[in-house]
Amino acid sequence: MGAMEKINESRATGAREYLTFRLDQEEYGIDILKVQEIRGYEPPTRIANAPAFIKGVVNLRGTIVPIVDMRLKFGCSRRSTTHSLW
């Protein structure tokens, strides 16, 4: 079954898929059809005088994208960056 057929089938049945993640004890989800790309961690370029929750920026195919630490932005406990999916 092709990708478009799967999308059409999931729409017909009302089934939806989400990308989920946790911040502290809260779980969040984003409709998978809204996700363009999942990238591994790369150190961002730091920005002088930026708020603590702005970790810097990365160049994503010519577009400068800010990297926001959502734990700091939402006042959650700090956690070190891991490369594990779990």
N, C-alpha and C. Protein backbone atom coordinates (compact mmCIF):
# COMPACT_ATOMS: atom_id res chain seq x y z
N MET A 1 0.86 -1.18 0.00
CA MET A 1 0.00 0.00 0.00
C MET A 1 0.90 1.23 0.00
N GLY A 2 0.64 2.17 -0.90
CA GLY A 2 1.43 3.38 -1.00
C GLY A 2 1.09 4.39 0.09
N ALA A 3 1.93 5.42 0.21
CA ALA A 3 1.76 6.43 1.26
C ALA A 3 0.42 7.16 1.12
N MET A 4 0.06 7.54 -0.10
CA MET A 4 -1.20 8.26 -0.29
C MET A 4 -2.40 7.37 0.03
N GLU A 5 -2.30 6.10 -0.31
CA GLU A 5 -3.39 5.17 0.02
C GLU A 5 -3.55 5.03 1.53
N LYS A 6 -2.42 4.99 2.25
CA LYS A 6 -2.48 4.91 3.71
C LYS A 6 -3.11 6.16 4.30
N ILE A 7 -2.75 7.32 3.77
CA ILE A 7 -3.32 8.57 4.25
C ILE A 7 -4.82 8.59 4.00
N ASN A 8 -5.22 8.21 2.80
CA ASN A 8 -6.65 8.19 2.47
C ASN A 8 -7.41 7.20 3.33
N GLU A 9 -6.81 6.03 3.60
CA GLU A 9 -7.46 5.03 4.44
C GLU A 9 -7.61 5.55 5.87
N SER A 10 -6.56 6.20 6.40
CA SER A 10 -6.64 6.71 7.77
C SER A 10 -7.68 7.82 7.87
N ARG A 11 -7.81 8.63 6.84
CA ARG A 11 -8.84 9.67 6.85
C ARG A 11 -10.23 9.06 6.80
N ALA A 12 -10.40 8.01 6.00
CA ALA A 12 -11.70 7.37 5.86
C ALA A 12 -12.14 6.71 7.16
N THR A 13 -11.20 6.13 7.90
CA THR A 13 -11.55 5.44 9.15
C THR A 13 -11.53 6.38 10.34
N GLY A 14 -11.04 7.59 10.15
CA GLY A 14 -10.95 8.54 11.26
C GLY A 14 -9.71 8.33 12.11
N ALA A 15 -8.88 7.32 11.75
CA ALA A 15 -7.65 7.07 12.51
C ALA A 15 -6.64 8.16 12.19
N ARG A 16 -5.91 8.59 13.22
CA ARG A 16 -4.88 9.61 13.01
C ARG A 16 -3.62 9.18 13.74
N GLU A 17 -2.49 9.64 13.22
CA GLU A 17 -1.21 9.34 13.84
C GLU A 17 -0.60 10.63 14.36
N TYR A 18 0.11 10.51 15.49
CA TYR A 18 0.70 11.67 16.13
C TYR A 18 2.17 11.41 16.46
N LEU A 19 2.95 12.46 16.37
CA LEU A 19 4.29 12.45 16.91
C LEU A 19 4.13 12.92 18.36
N THR A 20 4.57 12.11 19.31
CA THR A 20 4.40 12.48 20.72
C THR A 20 5.75 12.70 21.39
N PHE A 21 5.74 13.54 22.41
CA PHE A 21 6.94 13.80 23.20
C PHE A 21 6.51 14.20 24.60
N ARG A 22 7.44 14.12 25.54
CA ARG A 22 7.17 14.44 26.94
C ARG A 22 8.02 15.62 27.39
N LEU A 23 7.43 16.45 28.23
CA LEU A 23 8.13 17.48 28.98
C LEU A 23 7.72 17.28 30.42
N ASP A 24 8.66 16.88 31.26
CA ASP A 24 8.36 16.48 32.63
C ASP A 24 7.33 15.36 32.60
N GLN A 25 6.20 15.53 33.29
CA GLN A 25 5.18 14.49 33.35
C GLN A 25 4.08 14.69 32.32
N GLU A 26 4.18 15.73 31.51
CA GLU A 26 3.15 16.02 30.50
C GLU A 26 3.53 15.40 29.16
N GLU A 27 2.54 14.85 28.46
CA GLU A 27 2.77 14.30 27.13
C GLU A 27 2.03 15.16 26.11
N TYR A 28 2.73 15.47 25.02
CA TYR A 28 2.18 16.32 23.97
C TYR A 28 2.18 15.55 22.66
N GLY A 29 1.31 15.94 21.73
CA GLY A 29 1.26 15.28 20.44
C GLY A 29 1.02 16.28 19.32
N ILE A 30 1.61 16.00 18.17
CA ILE A 30 1.46 16.82 16.97
C ILE A 30 1.00 15.88 15.86
N ASP A 31 -0.01 16.30 15.11
CA ASP A 31 -0.48 15.51 13.97
C ASP A 31 0.71 15.21 13.06
N ILE A 32 0.94 13.93 12.78
CA ILE A 32 2.11 13.51 12.02
C ILE A 32 2.12 14.12 10.62
N LEU A 33 0.96 14.46 10.08
CA LEU A 33 0.91 15.07 8.75
C LEU A 33 1.43 16.50 8.75
N LYS A 34 1.56 17.10 9.94
CA LYS A 34 2.10 18.45 10.06
C LYS A 34 3.62 18.45 10.25
N VAL A 35 4.20 17.27 10.50
CA VAL A 35 5.64 17.15 10.74
C VAL A 35 6.35 17.04 9.40
N GLN A 36 7.29 17.94 9.16
CA GLN A 36 8.03 17.92 7.91
C GLN A 36 9.26 17.03 7.98
N GLU A 37 9.90 17.00 9.15
CA GLU A 37 11.18 16.31 9.25
C GLU A 37 11.52 16.08 10.71
N ILE A 38 12.16 14.95 10.98
CA ILE A 38 12.70 14.67 12.32
C ILE A 38 14.21 14.58 12.15
N ARG A 39 14.92 15.44 12.85
CA ARG A 39 16.37 15.49 12.72
C ARG A 39 17.03 15.10 14.03
N GLY A 40 18.23 14.59 13.92
CA GLY A 40 19.04 14.32 15.09
C GLY A 40 19.56 15.62 15.68
N TYR A 41 20.11 15.53 16.86
CA TYR A 41 20.61 16.72 17.53
C TYR A 41 21.89 17.21 16.87
N GLU A 42 21.99 18.50 16.68
CA GLU A 42 23.24 19.14 16.27
C GLU A 42 23.37 20.41 17.10
N PRO A 43 24.58 20.71 17.55
CA PRO A 43 24.75 21.89 18.40
C PRO A 43 24.37 23.17 17.62
N PRO A 44 23.51 23.99 18.19
CA PRO A 44 23.12 25.23 17.51
C PRO A 44 24.19 26.31 17.64
N THR A 45 24.14 27.29 16.75
CA THR A 45 24.99 28.46 16.85
C THR A 45 24.38 29.39 17.89
N ARG A 46 25.13 29.72 18.92
CA ARG A 46 24.61 30.55 20.01
C ARG A 46 24.37 31.97 19.55
N ILE A 47 23.44 32.65 20.20
CA ILE A 47 23.09 34.04 19.90
C ILE A 47 23.34 34.86 21.15
N ALA A 48 24.11 35.94 21.00
CA ALA A 48 24.41 36.81 22.14
C ALA A 48 23.14 37.48 22.66
N ASN A 49 23.03 37.58 23.96
CA ASN A 49 21.94 38.27 24.66
C ASN A 49 20.56 37.67 24.41
N ALA A 50 20.49 36.43 23.97
CA ALA A 50 19.20 35.76 23.77
C ALA A 50 18.69 35.27 25.12
N PRO A 51 17.38 35.14 25.29
CA PRO A 51 16.84 34.56 26.53
C PRO A 51 17.40 33.15 26.73
N ALA A 52 17.43 32.68 27.96
CA ALA A 52 18.01 31.38 28.29
C ALA A 52 17.35 30.23 27.53
N PHE A 53 16.05 30.34 27.24
CA PHE A 53 15.36 29.25 26.56
C PHE A 53 15.67 29.18 25.06
N ILE A 54 16.29 30.22 24.50
CA ILE A 54 16.74 30.18 23.10
C ILE A 54 18.15 29.63 23.10
N LYS A 55 18.31 28.41 22.64
CA LYS A 55 19.61 27.76 22.66
C LYS A 55 20.51 28.19 21.51
N GLY A 56 19.93 28.80 20.49
CA GLY A 56 20.69 29.26 19.34
C GLY A 56 19.88 29.05 18.08
N VAL A 57 20.59 28.97 16.95
CA VAL A 57 19.93 28.77 15.66
C VAL A 57 20.67 27.71 14.86
N VAL A 58 19.97 27.06 13.93
CA VAL A 58 20.59 26.15 12.98
C VAL A 58 20.17 26.57 11.58
N ASN A 59 20.99 26.21 10.62
CA ASN A 59 20.70 26.49 9.22
C ASN A 59 20.04 25.25 8.64
N LEU A 60 18.78 25.35 8.30
CA LEU A 60 18.02 24.23 7.75
C LEU A 60 17.76 24.50 6.27
N ARG A 61 18.63 23.97 5.43
CA ARG A 61 18.54 24.15 3.98
C ARG A 61 18.37 25.62 3.60
N GLY A 62 19.19 26.49 4.21
CA GLY A 62 19.18 27.90 3.88
C GLY A 62 18.24 28.76 4.70
N THR A 63 17.45 28.15 5.57
CA THR A 63 16.56 28.90 6.45
C THR A 63 17.10 28.84 7.87
N ILE A 64 17.20 29.99 8.51
CA ILE A 64 17.69 30.05 9.89
C ILE A 64 16.51 29.74 10.82
N VAL A 65 16.68 28.69 11.64
CA VAL A 65 15.61 28.21 12.51
C VAL A 65 16.06 28.33 13.97
N PRO A 66 15.26 29.01 14.81
CA PRO A 66 15.64 29.10 16.23
C PRO A 66 15.41 27.76 16.94
N ILE A 67 16.30 27.45 17.87
CA ILE A 67 16.17 26.25 18.69
C ILE A 67 15.73 26.69 20.09
N VAL A 68 14.54 26.25 20.47
CA VAL A 68 13.94 26.66 21.75
C VAL A 68 13.92 25.46 22.69
N ASP A 69 14.44 25.64 23.89
CA ASP A 69 14.36 24.61 24.93
C ASP A 69 13.00 24.76 25.60
N MET A 70 12.06 23.90 25.21
CA MET A 70 10.69 24.02 25.71
C MET A 70 10.60 23.76 27.21
N ARG A 71 11.53 22.97 27.75
CA ARG A 71 11.52 22.76 29.21
C ARG A 71 11.75 24.08 29.94
N LEU A 72 12.71 24.86 29.46
CA LEU A 72 12.97 26.16 30.08
C LEU A 72 11.82 27.13 29.80
N LYS A 73 11.31 27.13 28.59
CA LYS A 73 10.24 28.04 28.21
C LYS A 73 9.00 27.82 29.09
N PHE A 74 8.68 26.56 29.38
CA PHE A 74 7.50 26.24 30.18
C PHE A 74 7.81 26.10 31.68
N GLY A 75 9.07 26.33 32.07
CA GLY A 75 9.43 26.27 33.49
C GLY A 75 9.49 24.86 34.04
N CYS A 76 9.80 23.88 33.22
CA CYS A 76 9.91 22.49 33.67
C CYS A 76 11.32 22.26 34.23
N SER A 77 11.50 21.11 34.87
CA SER A 77 12.81 20.79 35.41
C SER A 77 13.81 20.59 34.28
N ARG A 78 15.07 20.87 34.57
CA ARG A 78 16.12 20.75 33.55
C ARG A 78 16.49 19.29 33.37
N ARG A 79 16.88 18.96 32.15
CA ARG A 79 17.32 17.60 31.83
C ARG A 79 18.41 17.72 30.80
N SER A 80 19.42 16.89 30.91
CA SER A 80 20.50 16.95 29.94
C SER A 80 20.02 16.39 28.60
N THR A 81 20.65 16.85 27.53
CA THR A 81 20.31 16.37 26.19
C THR A 81 20.76 14.93 26.05
N THR A 82 19.88 14.08 25.56
CA THR A 82 20.25 12.69 25.31
C THR A 82 20.07 12.39 23.85
N HIS A 83 20.76 11.38 23.41
CA HIS A 83 20.65 10.97 22.02
C HIS A 83 19.79 9.72 21.90
N SER A 84 19.17 9.32 22.99
CA SER A 84 18.33 8.15 23.02
C SER A 84 16.90 8.52 22.64
N LEU A 85 16.21 7.60 22.01
CA LEU A 85 14.81 7.82 21.69
C LEU A 85 13.91 7.52 22.88
N TRP A 86 14.42 6.86 23.90
CA TRP A 86 13.58 6.46 25.02
C TRP A 86 13.97 7.26 26.18
